Amino acid sequence: MQKEMDVAKRAKVIEWLKTEVVDHVSRLFKALWEGSTTRVSDSLASLVVSCYILGRRLGISYKDMDDHILEKLKKHEQEGHQLEDWYQDISTLQEHMRKR
């Protein structure tokens, strides 16, 4: 019985985190519409935090998440992503993450 309750609790937390991600995206869009830099930053930070915690609840460590992000950035850089070509966003983010 205890194990069943634990599985149900874990599933409920994952579902709640999924709704948090959607809520933060919604808040981000509203902040963008309003033009509030403070609210945009807060919404983006909340979204990133929720994604990391959701990943952890799904069995992905924070380190693994960072590694996957760096792999994704490397792939984008190698493929000539437009944001890299235009603004060097990909390499700048890679450098930031490596310095952490």
PDB file of N, CA and C in Angstrom:
ATOM      1  N   MET A   1       0.825  -1.202   0.000  1.00  0.00           N
ATOM      2  CA  MET A   1       0.000   0.000   0.000  1.00  0.00           C
ATOM      3  C   MET A   1       0.868   1.265   0.000  1.00  0.00           C
ATOM      4  N   GLN A   2       1.948   1.262   0.806  1.00  0.00           N
ATOM      5  CA  GLN A   2       2.829   2.427   0.889  1.00  0.00           C
ATOM      6  C   GLN A   2       3.490   2.710  -0.461  1.00  0.00           C
ATOM      7  N   LYS A   3       3.924   1.649  -1.143  1.00  0.00           N
ATOM      8  CA  LYS A   3       4.571   1.820  -2.437  1.00  0.00           C
ATOM      9  C   LYS A   3       3.601   2.402  -3.466  1.00  0.00           C
ATOM     10  N   GLU A   4       2.353   1.947  -3.442  1.00  0.00           N
ATOM     11  CA  GLU A   4       1.342   2.478  -4.355  1.00  0.00           C
ATOM     12  C   GLU A   4       1.093   3.958  -4.098  1.00  0.00           C
ATOM     13  N   MET A   5       1.086   4.349  -2.825  1.00  0.00           N
ATOM     14  CA  MET A   5       0.876   5.758  -2.472  1.00  0.00           C
ATOM     15  C   MET A   5       2.058   6.598  -2.945  1.00  0.00           C
ATOM     16  N   ASP A   6       3.275   6.039  -2.826  1.00  0.00           N
ATOM     17  CA  ASP A   6       4.469   6.757  -3.272  1.00  0.00           C
ATOM     18  C   ASP A   6       4.445   6.961  -4.783  1.00  0.00           C
ATOM     19  N   VAL A   7       4.065   5.942  -5.524  1.00  0.00           N
ATOM     20  CA  VAL A   7       3.979   6.048  -6.990  1.00  0.00           C
ATOM     21  C   VAL A   7       2.929   7.087  -7.374  1.00  0.00           C
ATOM     22  N   ALA A   8       1.796   7.057  -6.693  1.00  0.00           N
ATOM     23  CA  ALA A   8       0.735   8.030  -6.977  1.00  0.00           C
ATOM     24  C   ALA A   8       1.194   9.447  -6.659  1.00  0.00           C
ATOM     25  N   LYS A   9       1.913   9.609  -5.555  1.00  0.00           N
ATOM     26  CA  LYS A   9       2.416  10.925  -5.168  1.00  0.00           C
ATOM     27  C   LYS A   9       3.421  11.434  -6.189  1.00  0.00           C
ATOM     28  N   ARG A  10       4.324  10.564  -6.635  1.00  0.00           N
ATOM     29  CA  ARG A  10       5.313  10.957  -7.627  1.00  0.00           C
ATOM     30  C   ARG A  10       4.641  11.368  -8.938  1.00  0.00           C
ATOM     31  N   ALA A  11       3.635  10.604  -9.356  1.00  0.00           N
ATOM     32  CA  ALA A  11       2.910  10.935 -10.583  1.00  0.00           C
ATOM     33  C   ALA A  11       2.195  12.276 -10.442  1.00  0.00           C
ATOM     34  N   LYS A  12       1.619  12.510  -9.277  1.00  0.00           N
ATOM     35  CA  LYS A  12       0.913  13.768  -9.036  1.00  0.00           C
ATOM     36  C   LYS A  12       1.880  14.953  -9.068  1.00  0.00           C
ATOM     37  N   VAL A  13       3.067  14.790  -8.510  1.00  0.00           N
ATOM     38  CA  VAL A  13       4.068  15.857  -8.523  1.00  0.00           C
ATOM     39  C   VAL A  13       4.510  16.156  -9.952  1.00  0.00           C
ATOM     40  N   ILE A  14       4.713  15.123 -10.751  1.00  0.00           N
ATOM     41  CA  ILE A  14       5.109  15.322 -12.153  1.00  0.00           C
ATOM     42  C   ILE A  14       4.018  16.077 -12.906  1.00  0.00           C
ATOM     43  N   GLU A  15       2.775  15.692 -12.712  1.00  0.00           N
ATOM     44  CA  GLU A  15       1.667  16.393 -13.370  1.00  0.00           C
ATOM     45  C   GLU A  15       1.604  17.849 -12.929  1.00  0.00           C
ATOM     46  N   TRP A  16       1.811  18.099 -11.638  1.00  0.00           N
ATOM     47  CA  TRP A  16       1.800  19.464 -11.120  1.00  0.00           C
ATOM     48  C   TRP A  16       2.925  20.280 -11.748  1.00  0.00           C
ATOM     49  N   LEU A  17       4.124  19.690 -11.839  1.00  0.00           N
ATOM     50  CA  LEU A  17       5.256  20.390 -12.448  1.00  0.00           C
ATOM     51  C   LEU A  17       4.991  20.711 -13.919  1.00  0.00           C
ATOM     52  N   LYS A  18       4.332  19.812 -14.618  1.00  0.00           N
ATOM     53  CA  LYS A  18       3.984  20.079 -16.020  1.00  0.00           C
ATOM     54  C   LYS A  18       3.072  21.298 -16.117  1.00  0.00           C
ATOM     55  N   THR A  19       2.122  21.422 -15.212  1.00  0.00           N
ATOM     56  CA  THR A  19       1.237  22.588 -15.235  1.00  0.00           C
ATOM     57  C   THR A  19       2.002  23.852 -14.861  1.00  0.00           C
ATOM     58  N   GLU A  20       2.995  23.732 -13.986  1.00  0.00           N
ATOM     59  CA  GLU A  20       3.833  24.871 -13.633  1.00  0.00           C
ATOM     60  C   GLU A  20       4.593  25.388 -14.865  1.00  0.00           C
ATOM     61  N   VAL A  21       5.125  24.471 -15.661  1.00  0.00           N
ATOM     62  CA  VAL A  21       5.851  24.864 -16.874  1.00  0.00           C
ATOM     63  C   VAL A  21       4.912  25.643 -17.804  1.00  0.00           C
ATOM     64  N   VAL A  22       3.723  25.126 -18.009  1.00  0.00           N
ATOM     65  CA  VAL A  22       2.751  25.810 -18.878  1.00  0.00           C
ATOM     66  C   VAL A  22       2.378  27.170 -18.289  1.00  0.00           C
ATOM     67  N   ASP A  23       2.189  27.239 -16.977  1.00  0.00           N
ATOM     68  CA  ASP A  23       1.846  28.492 -16.318  1.00  0.00           C
ATOM     69  C   ASP A  23       2.964  29.521 -16.497  1.00  0.00           C
ATOM     70  N   HIS A  24       4.216  29.090 -16.361  1.00  0.00           N
ATOM     71  CA  HIS A  24       5.333  30.020 -16.517  1.00  0.00           C
ATOM     72  C   HIS A  24       5.462  30.509 -17.960  1.00  0.00           C
ATOM     73  N   VAL A  25       5.164  29.654 -18.921  1.00  0.00           N
ATOM     74  CA  VAL A  25       5.164  30.086 -20.326  1.00  0.00           C
ATOM     75  C   VAL A  25       4.073  31.139 -20.529  1.00  0.00           C
ATOM     76  N   SER A  26       2.913  30.898 -19.959  1.00  0.00           N
ATOM     77  CA  SER A  26       1.816  31.861 -20.062  1.00  0.00           C
ATOM     78  C   SER A  26       2.199  33.201 -19.439  1.00  0.00           C
ATOM     79  N   ARG A  27       2.810  33.149 -18.262  1.00  0.00           N
ATOM     80  CA  ARG A  27       3.240  34.388 -17.594  1.00  0.00           C
ATOM     81  C   ARG A  27       4.318  35.110 -18.413  1.00  0.00           C
ATOM     82  N   LEU A  28       5.182  34.336 -19.048  1.00  0.00           N
ATOM     83  CA  LEU A  28       6.214  34.920 -19.904  1.00  0.00           C
ATOM     84  C   LEU A  28       5.565  35.673 -21.071  1.00  0.00           C
ATOM     85  N   PHE A  29       4.604  35.038 -21.731  1.00  0.00           N
ATOM     86  CA  PHE A  29       3.939  35.689 -22.860  1.00  0.00           C
ATOM     87  C   PHE A  29       3.229  36.970 -22.425  1.00  0.00           C
ATOM     88  N   LYS A  30       2.592  36.948 -21.262  1.00  0.00           N
ATOM     89  CA  LYS A  30       1.924  38.149 -20.747  1.00  0.00           C
ATOM     90  C   LYS A  30       2.948  39.242 -20.450  1.00  0.00           C
ATOM     91  N   ALA A  31       4.069  38.854 -19.855  1.00  0.00           N
ATOM     92  CA  ALA A  31       5.112  39.836 -19.541  1.00  0.00           C
ATOM     93  C   ALA A  31       5.695  40.437 -20.814  1.00  0.00           C
ATOM     94  N   LEU A  32       5.865  39.614 -21.841  1.00  0.00           N
ATOM     95  CA  LEU A  32       6.346  40.126 -23.124  1.00  0.00           C
ATOM     96  C   LEU A  32       5.351  41.116 -23.718  1.00  0.00           C
ATOM     97  N   TRP A  33       4.085  40.781 -23.617  1.00  0.00           N
ATOM     98  CA  TRP A  33       3.039  41.661 -24.137  1.00  0.00           C
ATOM     99  C   TRP A  33       3.054  43.004 -23.408  1.00  0.00           C
ATOM    100  N   GLU A  34       3.266  42.947 -22.081  1.00  0.00           N
ATOM    101  CA  GLU A  34       3.261  44.169 -21.272  1.00  0.00           C
ATOM    102  C   GLU A  34       4.577  44.936 -21.389  1.00  0.00           C
ATOM    103  N   GLY A  35       5.620  44.272 -21.834  1.00  0.00           N
ATOM    104  CA  GLY A  35       6.916  44.929 -21.978  1.00  0.00           C
ATOM    105  C   GLY A  35       7.662  45.124 -20.675  1.00  0.00           C
ATOM    106  N   SER A  36       7.361  44.296 -19.686  1.00  0.00           N
ATOM    107  CA  SER A  36       8.006  44.407 -18.384  1.00  0.00           C
ATOM    108  C   SER A  36       9.255  43.531 -18.328  1.00  0.00           C
ATOM    109  N   THR A  37      10.412  44.169 -18.356  1.00  0.00           N
ATOM    110  CA  THR A  37      11.679  43.431 -18.312  1.00  0.00           C
ATOM    111  C   THR A  37      11.797  42.610 -17.027  1.00  0.00           C
ATOM    112  N   THR A  38      11.374  43.177 -15.923  1.00  0.00           N
ATOM    113  CA  THR A  38      11.444  42.475 -14.635  1.00  0.00           C
ATOM    114  C   THR A  38      10.583  41.227 -14.656  1.00  0.00           C
ATOM    115  N   ARG A  39       9.371  41.345 -15.158  1.00  0.00           N
ATOM    116  CA  ARG A  39       8.475  40.183 -15.214  1.00  0.00           C
ATOM    117  C   ARG A  39       8.943  39.158 -16.231  1.00  0.00           C
ATOM    118  N   VAL A  40       9.535  39.603 -17.346  1.00  0.00           N
ATOM    119  CA  VAL A  40      10.091  38.675 -18.329  1.00  0.00           C
ATOM    120  C   VAL A  40      11.212  37.867 -17.682  1.00  0.00           C
ATOM    121  N   SER A  41      12.130  38.541 -17.005  1.00  0.00           N
ATOM    122  CA  SER A  41      13.244  37.860 -16.339  1.00  0.00           C
ATOM    123  C   SER A  41      12.736  36.880 -15.290  1.00  0.00           C
ATOM    124  N   ASP A  42      11.764  37.304 -14.502  1.00  0.00           N
ATOM    125  CA  ASP A  42      11.202  36.435 -13.464  1.00  0.00           C
ATOM    126  C   ASP A  42      10.533  35.212 -14.081  1.00  0.00           C
ATOM    127  N   SER A  43       9.781  35.416 -15.141  1.00  0.00           N
ATOM    128  CA  SER A  43       9.093  34.307 -15.801  1.00  0.00           C
ATOM    129  C   SER A  43      10.077  33.318 -16.412  1.00  0.00           C
ATOM    130  N   LEU A  44      11.110  33.839 -17.068  1.00  0.00           N
ATOM    131  CA  LEU A  44      12.127  32.968 -17.664  1.00  0.00           C
ATOM    132  C   LEU A  44      12.855  32.168 -16.581  1.00  0.00           C
ATOM    133  N   ALA A  45      13.209  32.840 -15.480  1.00  0.00           N
ATOM    134  CA  ALA A  45      13.891  32.148 -14.379  1.00  0.00           C
ATOM    135  C   ALA A  45      12.993  31.047 -13.799  1.00  0.00           C
ATOM    136  N   SER A  46      11.731  31.351 -13.599  1.00  0.00           N
ATOM    137  CA  SER A  46      10.794  30.354 -13.064  1.00  0.00           C
ATOM    138  C   SER A  46      10.636  29.175 -14.014  1.00  0.00           C
ATOM    139  N   LEU A  47      10.607  29.462 -15.307  1.00  0.00           N
ATOM    140  CA  LEU A  47      10.487  28.410 -16.313  1.00  0.00           C
ATOM    141  C   LEU A  47      11.702  27.487 -16.285  1.00  0.00           C
ATOM    142  N   VAL A  48      12.886  28.076 -16.225  1.00  0.00           N
ATOM    143  CA  VAL A  48      14.114  27.277 -16.189  1.00  0.00           C
ATOM    144  C   VAL A  48      14.142  26.407 -14.930  1.00  0.00           C
ATOM    145  N   VAL A  49      13.814  26.999 -13.780  1.00  0.00           N
ATOM    146  CA  VAL A  49      13.799  26.251 -12.521  1.00  0.00           C
ATOM    147  C   VAL A  49      12.817  25.091 -12.603  1.00  0.00           C
ATOM    148  N   SER A  50      11.619  25.349 -13.078  1.00  0.00           N
ATOM    149  CA  SER A  50      10.612  24.287 -13.190  1.00  0.00           C
ATOM    150  C   SER A  50      11.068  23.177 -14.121  1.00  0.00           C
ATOM    151  N   CYS A  51      11.721  23.534 -15.220  1.00  0.00           N
ATOM    152  CA  CYS A  51      12.219  22.518 -16.160  1.00  0.00           C
ATOM    153  C   CYS A  51      13.292  21.652 -15.522  1.00  0.00           C
ATOM    154  N   TYR A  52      14.201  22.264 -14.797  1.00  0.00           N
ATOM    155  CA  TYR A  52      15.236  21.493 -14.114  1.00  0.00           C
ATOM    156  C   TYR A  52      14.630  20.541 -13.078  1.00  0.00           C
ATOM    157  N   ILE A  53      13.683  21.047 -12.296  1.00  0.00           N
ATOM    158  CA  ILE A  53      13.071  20.204 -11.263  1.00  0.00           C
ATOM    159  C   ILE A  53      12.232  19.106 -11.896  1.00  0.00           C
ATOM    160  N   LEU A  54      11.506  19.417 -12.963  1.00  0.00           N
ATOM    161  CA  LEU A  54      10.748  18.378 -13.665  1.00  0.00           C
ATOM    162  C   LEU A  54      11.701  17.305 -14.183  1.00  0.00           C
ATOM    163  N   GLY A  55      12.801  17.722 -14.775  1.00  0.00           N
ATOM    164  CA  GLY A  55      13.797  16.753 -15.236  1.00  0.00           C
ATOM    165  C   GLY A  55      14.282  15.865 -14.108  1.00  0.00           C
ATOM    166  N   ARG A  56      14.546  16.465 -12.958  1.00  0.00           N
ATOM    167  CA  ARG A  56      15.008  15.679 -11.800  1.00  0.00           C
ATOM    168  C   ARG A  56      13.945  14.663 -11.366  1.00  0.00           C
ATOM    169  N   ARG A  57      12.704  15.089 -11.334  1.00  0.00           N
ATOM    170  CA  ARG A  57      11.607  14.182 -10.953  1.00  0.00           C
ATOM    171  C   ARG A  57      11.466  13.054 -11.969  1.00  0.00           C
ATOM    172  N   LEU A  58      11.910  13.294 -13.208  1.00  0.00           N
ATOM    173  CA  LEU A  58      11.842  12.276 -14.257  1.00  0.00           C
ATOM    174  C   LEU A  58      13.122  11.440 -14.334  1.00  0.00           C
ATOM    175  N   GLY A  59      14.040  11.691 -13.406  1.00  0.00           N
ATOM    176  CA  GLY A  59      15.241  10.866 -13.312  1.00  0.00           C
ATOM    177  C   GLY A  59      16.472  11.441 -13.988  1.00  0.00           C
ATOM    178  N   ILE A  60      16.437  12.715 -14.341  1.00  0.00           N
ATOM    179  CA  ILE A  60      17.577  13.354 -14.987  1.00  0.00           C
ATOM    180  C   ILE A  60      18.238  14.274 -13.958  1.00  0.00           C
ATOM    181  N   SER A  61      19.504  14.027 -13.676  1.00  0.00           N
ATOM    182  CA  SER A  61      20.201  14.853 -12.695  1.00  0.00           C
ATOM    183  C   SER A  61      20.443  16.240 -13.273  1.00  0.00           C
ATOM    184  N   TYR A  62      20.695  17.190 -12.384  1.00  0.00           N
ATOM    185  CA  TYR A  62      20.984  18.545 -12.840  1.00  0.00           C
ATOM    186  C   TYR A  62      22.246  18.560 -13.702  1.00  0.00           C
ATOM    187  N   LYS A  63      23.234  17.787 -13.331  1.00  0.00           N
ATOM    188  CA  LYS A  63      24.475  17.698 -14.110  1.00  0.00           C
ATOM    189  C   LYS A  63      24.188  17.146 -15.497  1.00  0.00           C
ATOM    190  N   ASP A  64      23.390  16.071 -15.563  1.00  0.00           N
ATOM    191  CA  ASP A  64      23.030  15.507 -16.868  1.00  0.00           C
ATOM    192  C   ASP A  64      22.266  16.523 -17.714  1.00  0.00           C
ATOM    193  N   MET A  65      21.393  17.282 -17.075  1.00  0.00           N
ATOM    194  CA  MET A  65      20.648  18.310 -17.803  1.00  0.00           C
ATOM    195  C   MET A  65      21.615  19.344 -18.388  1.00  0.00           C
ATOM    196  N   ASP A  66      22.562  19.789 -17.562  1.00  0.00           N
ATOM    197  CA  ASP A  66      23.569  20.732 -18.057  1.00  0.00           C
ATOM    198  C   ASP A  66      24.354  20.137 -19.222  1.00  0.00           C
ATOM    199  N   ASP A  67      24.744  18.867 -19.093  1.00  0.00           N
ATOM    200  CA  ASP A  67      25.493  18.204 -20.156  1.00  0.00           C
ATOM    201  C   ASP A  67      24.682  18.126 -21.452  1.00  0.00           C
ATOM    202  N   HIS A  68      23.402  17.818 -21.323  1.00  0.00           N
ATOM    203  CA  HIS A  68      22.534  17.740 -22.507  1.00  0.00           C
ATOM    204  C   HIS A  68      22.366  19.115 -23.158  1.00  0.00           C
ATOM    205  N   ILE A  69      22.269  20.131 -22.339  1.00  0.00           N
ATOM    206  CA  ILE A  69      22.158  21.491 -22.881  1.00  0.00           C
ATOM    207  C   ILE A  69      23.425  21.849 -23.637  1.00  0.00           C
ATOM    208  N   LEU A  70      24.580  21.536 -23.053  1.00  0.00           N
ATOM    209  CA  LEU A  70      25.851  21.826 -23.736  1.00  0.00           C
ATOM    210  C   LEU A  70      25.974  21.041 -25.042  1.00  0.00           C
ATOM    211  N   GLU A  71      25.522  19.786 -25.032  1.00  0.00           N
ATOM    212  CA  GLU A  71      25.531  18.988 -26.267  1.00  0.00           C
ATOM    213  C   GLU A  71      24.641  19.628 -27.332  1.00  0.00           C
ATOM    214  N   LYS A  72      23.475  20.078 -26.912  1.00  0.00           N
ATOM    215  CA  LYS A  72      22.533  20.726 -27.833  1.00  0.00           C
ATOM    216  C   LYS A  72      23.144  21.997 -28.416  1.00  0.00           C
ATOM    217  N   LEU A  73      23.792  22.778 -27.567  1.00  0.00           N
ATOM    218  CA  LEU A  73      24.430  24.005 -28.031  1.00  0.00           C
ATOM    219  C   LEU A  73      25.550  23.702 -29.018  1.00  0.00           C
ATOM    220  N   LYS A  74      26.342  22.686 -28.722  1.00  0.00           N
ATOM    221  CA  LYS A  74      27.432  22.294 -29.614  1.00  0.00           C
ATOM    222  C   LYS A  74      26.883  21.882 -30.979  1.00  0.00           C
ATOM    223  N   LYS A  75      25.794  21.124 -30.967  1.00  0.00           N
ATOM    224  CA  LYS A  75      25.171  20.678 -32.209  1.00  0.00           C
ATOM    225  C   LYS A  75      24.665  21.883 -33.014  1.00  0.00           C
ATOM    226  N   HIS A  76      24.017  22.819 -32.340  1.00  0.00           N
ATOM    227  CA  HIS A  76      23.523  24.023 -33.022  1.00  0.00           C
ATOM    228  C   HIS A  76      24.670  24.820 -33.622  1.00  0.00           C
ATOM    229  N   GLU A  77      25.754  24.932 -32.870  1.00  0.00           N
ATOM    230  CA  GLU A  77      26.910  25.681 -33.361  1.00  0.00           C
ATOM    231  C   GLU A  77      27.500  25.006 -34.601  1.00  0.00           C
ATOM    232  N   GLN A  78      27.624  23.686 -34.556  1.00  0.00           N
ATOM    233  CA  GLN A  78      28.195  22.945 -35.676  1.00  0.00           C
ATOM    234  C   GLN A  78      27.312  23.007 -36.916  1.00  0.00           C
ATOM    235  N   GLU A  79      26.014  23.051 -36.707  1.00  0.00           N
ATOM    236  CA  GLU A  79      25.072  23.077 -37.824  1.00  0.00           C
ATOM    237  C   GLU A  79      24.861  24.481 -38.381  1.00  0.00           C
ATOM    238  N   GLY A  80      25.505  25.465 -37.775  1.00  0.00           N
ATOM    239  CA  GLY A  80      25.369  26.828 -38.270  1.00  0.00           C
ATOM    240  C   GLY A  80      24.021  27.446 -37.958  1.00  0.00           C
ATOM    241  N   HIS A  81      23.570  27.301 -36.729  1.00  0.00           N
ATOM    242  CA  HIS A  81      22.295  27.884 -36.301  1.00  0.00           C
ATOM    243  C   HIS A  81      22.284  29.393 -36.575  1.00  0.00           C
ATOM    244  N   GLN A  82      21.163  29.899 -37.047  1.00  0.00           N
ATOM    245  CA  GLN A  82      21.063  31.315 -37.411  1.00  0.00           C
ATOM    246  C   GLN A  82      21.389  32.253 -36.252  1.00  0.00           C
ATOM    247  N   LEU A  83      20.950  31.885 -35.042  1.00  0.00           N
ATOM    248  CA  LEU A  83      21.236  32.761 -33.902  1.00  0.00           C
ATOM    249  C   LEU A  83      22.725  32.856 -33.626  1.00  0.00           C
ATOM    250  N   GLU A  84      23.454  31.818 -33.974  1.00  0.00           N
ATOM    251  CA  GLU A  84      24.917  31.874 -33.853  1.00  0.00           C
ATOM    252  C   GLU A  84      25.507  32.763 -34.943  1.00  0.00           C
ATOM    253  N   ASP A  85      25.020  32.568 -36.142  1.00  0.00           N
ATOM    254  CA  ASP A  85      25.518  33.368 -37.263  1.00  0.00           C
ATOM    255  C   ASP A  85      25.243  34.856 -37.063  1.00  0.00           C
ATOM    256  N   TRP A  86      24.071  35.184 -36.590  1.00  0.00           N
ATOM    257  CA  TRP A  86      23.668  36.576 -36.474  1.00  0.00           C
ATOM    258  C   TRP A  86      24.193  37.259 -35.206  1.00  0.00           C
ATOM    259  N   TYR A  87      24.121  36.538 -34.065  1.00  0.00           N
ATOM    260  CA  TYR A  87      24.381  37.186 -32.775  1.00  0.00           C
ATOM    261  C   TYR A  87      25.398  36.466 -31.881  1.00  0.00           C
ATOM    262  N   GLN A  88      25.872  35.300 -32.287  1.00  0.00           N
ATOM    263  CA  GLN A  88      26.779  34.474 -31.487  1.00  0.00           C
ATOM    264  C   GLN A  88      26.139  34.053 -30.146  1.00  0.00           C
ATOM    265  N   ASP A  89      24.805  33.905 -30.153  1.00  0.00           N
ATOM    266  CA  ASP A  89      24.096  33.511 -28.938  1.00  0.00           C
ATOM    267  C   ASP A  89      24.497  32.113 -28.461  1.00  0.00           C
ATOM    268  N   ILE A  90      24.699  31.195 -29.387  1.00  0.00           N
ATOM    269  CA  ILE A  90      24.993  29.802 -29.028  1.00  0.00           C
ATOM    270  C   ILE A  90      26.354  29.720 -28.330  1.00  0.00           C
ATOM    271  N   SER A  91      27.381  30.272 -28.931  1.00  0.00           N
ATOM    272  CA  SER A  91      28.725  30.201 -28.344  1.00  0.00           C
ATOM    273  C   SER A  91      28.805  31.005 -27.048  1.00  0.00           C
ATOM    274  N   THR A  92      28.082  32.109 -26.956  1.00  0.00           N
ATOM    275  CA  THR A  92      28.070  32.902 -25.727  1.00  0.00           C
ATOM    276  C   THR A  92      27.454  32.114 -24.579  1.00  0.00           C
ATOM    277  N   LEU A  93      26.367  31.409 -24.860  1.00  0.00           N
ATOM    278  CA  LEU A  93      25.734  30.591 -23.825  1.00  0.00           C
ATOM    279  C   LEU A  93      26.626  29.407 -23.449  1.00  0.00           C
ATOM    280  N   GLN A  94      27.267  28.793 -24.433  1.00  0.00           N
ATOM    281  CA  GLN A  94      28.207  27.704 -24.142  1.00  0.00           C
ATOM    282  C   GLN A  94      29.291  28.193 -23.185  1.00  0.00           C
ATOM    283  N   GLU A  95      29.870  29.330 -23.488  1.00  0.00           N
ATOM    284  CA  GLU A  95      30.932  29.880 -22.650  1.00  0.00           C
ATOM    285  C   GLU A  95      30.419  30.153 -21.235  1.00  0.00           C
ATOM    286  N   HIS A  96      29.238  30.712 -21.134  1.00  0.00           N
ATOM    287  CA  HIS A  96      28.640  30.992 -19.823  1.00  0.00           C
ATOM    288  C   HIS A  96      28.478  29.712 -19.014  1.00  0.00           C
ATOM    289  N   MET A  97      27.954  28.691 -19.647  1.00  0.00           N
ATOM    290  CA  MET A  97      27.692  27.432 -18.928  1.00  0.00           C
ATOM    291  C   MET A  97      28.990  26.737 -18.528  1.00  0.00           C
ATOM    292  N   ARG A  98      30.000  26.826 -19.335  1.00  0.00           N
ATOM    293  CA  ARG A  98      31.288  26.190 -19.003  1.00  0.00           C
ATOM    294  C   ARG A  98      31.978  26.893 -17.841  1.00  0.00           C
ATOM    295  N   LYS A  99      31.764  28.195 -17.697  1.00  0.00           N
ATOM    296  CA  LYS A  99      32.390  28.959 -16.621  1.00  0.00           C
ATOM    297  C   LYS A  99      31.710  28.738 -15.270  1.00  0.00           C
ATOM    298  N   ARG A 100      30.509  28.200 -15.267  1.00  0.00           N
ATOM    299  CA  ARG A 100      29.785  28.015 -14.001  1.00  0.00           C
ATOM    300  C   ARG A 100      30.426  26.962 -13.154  1.00  0.00           C
TER     301      ARG A 100
END
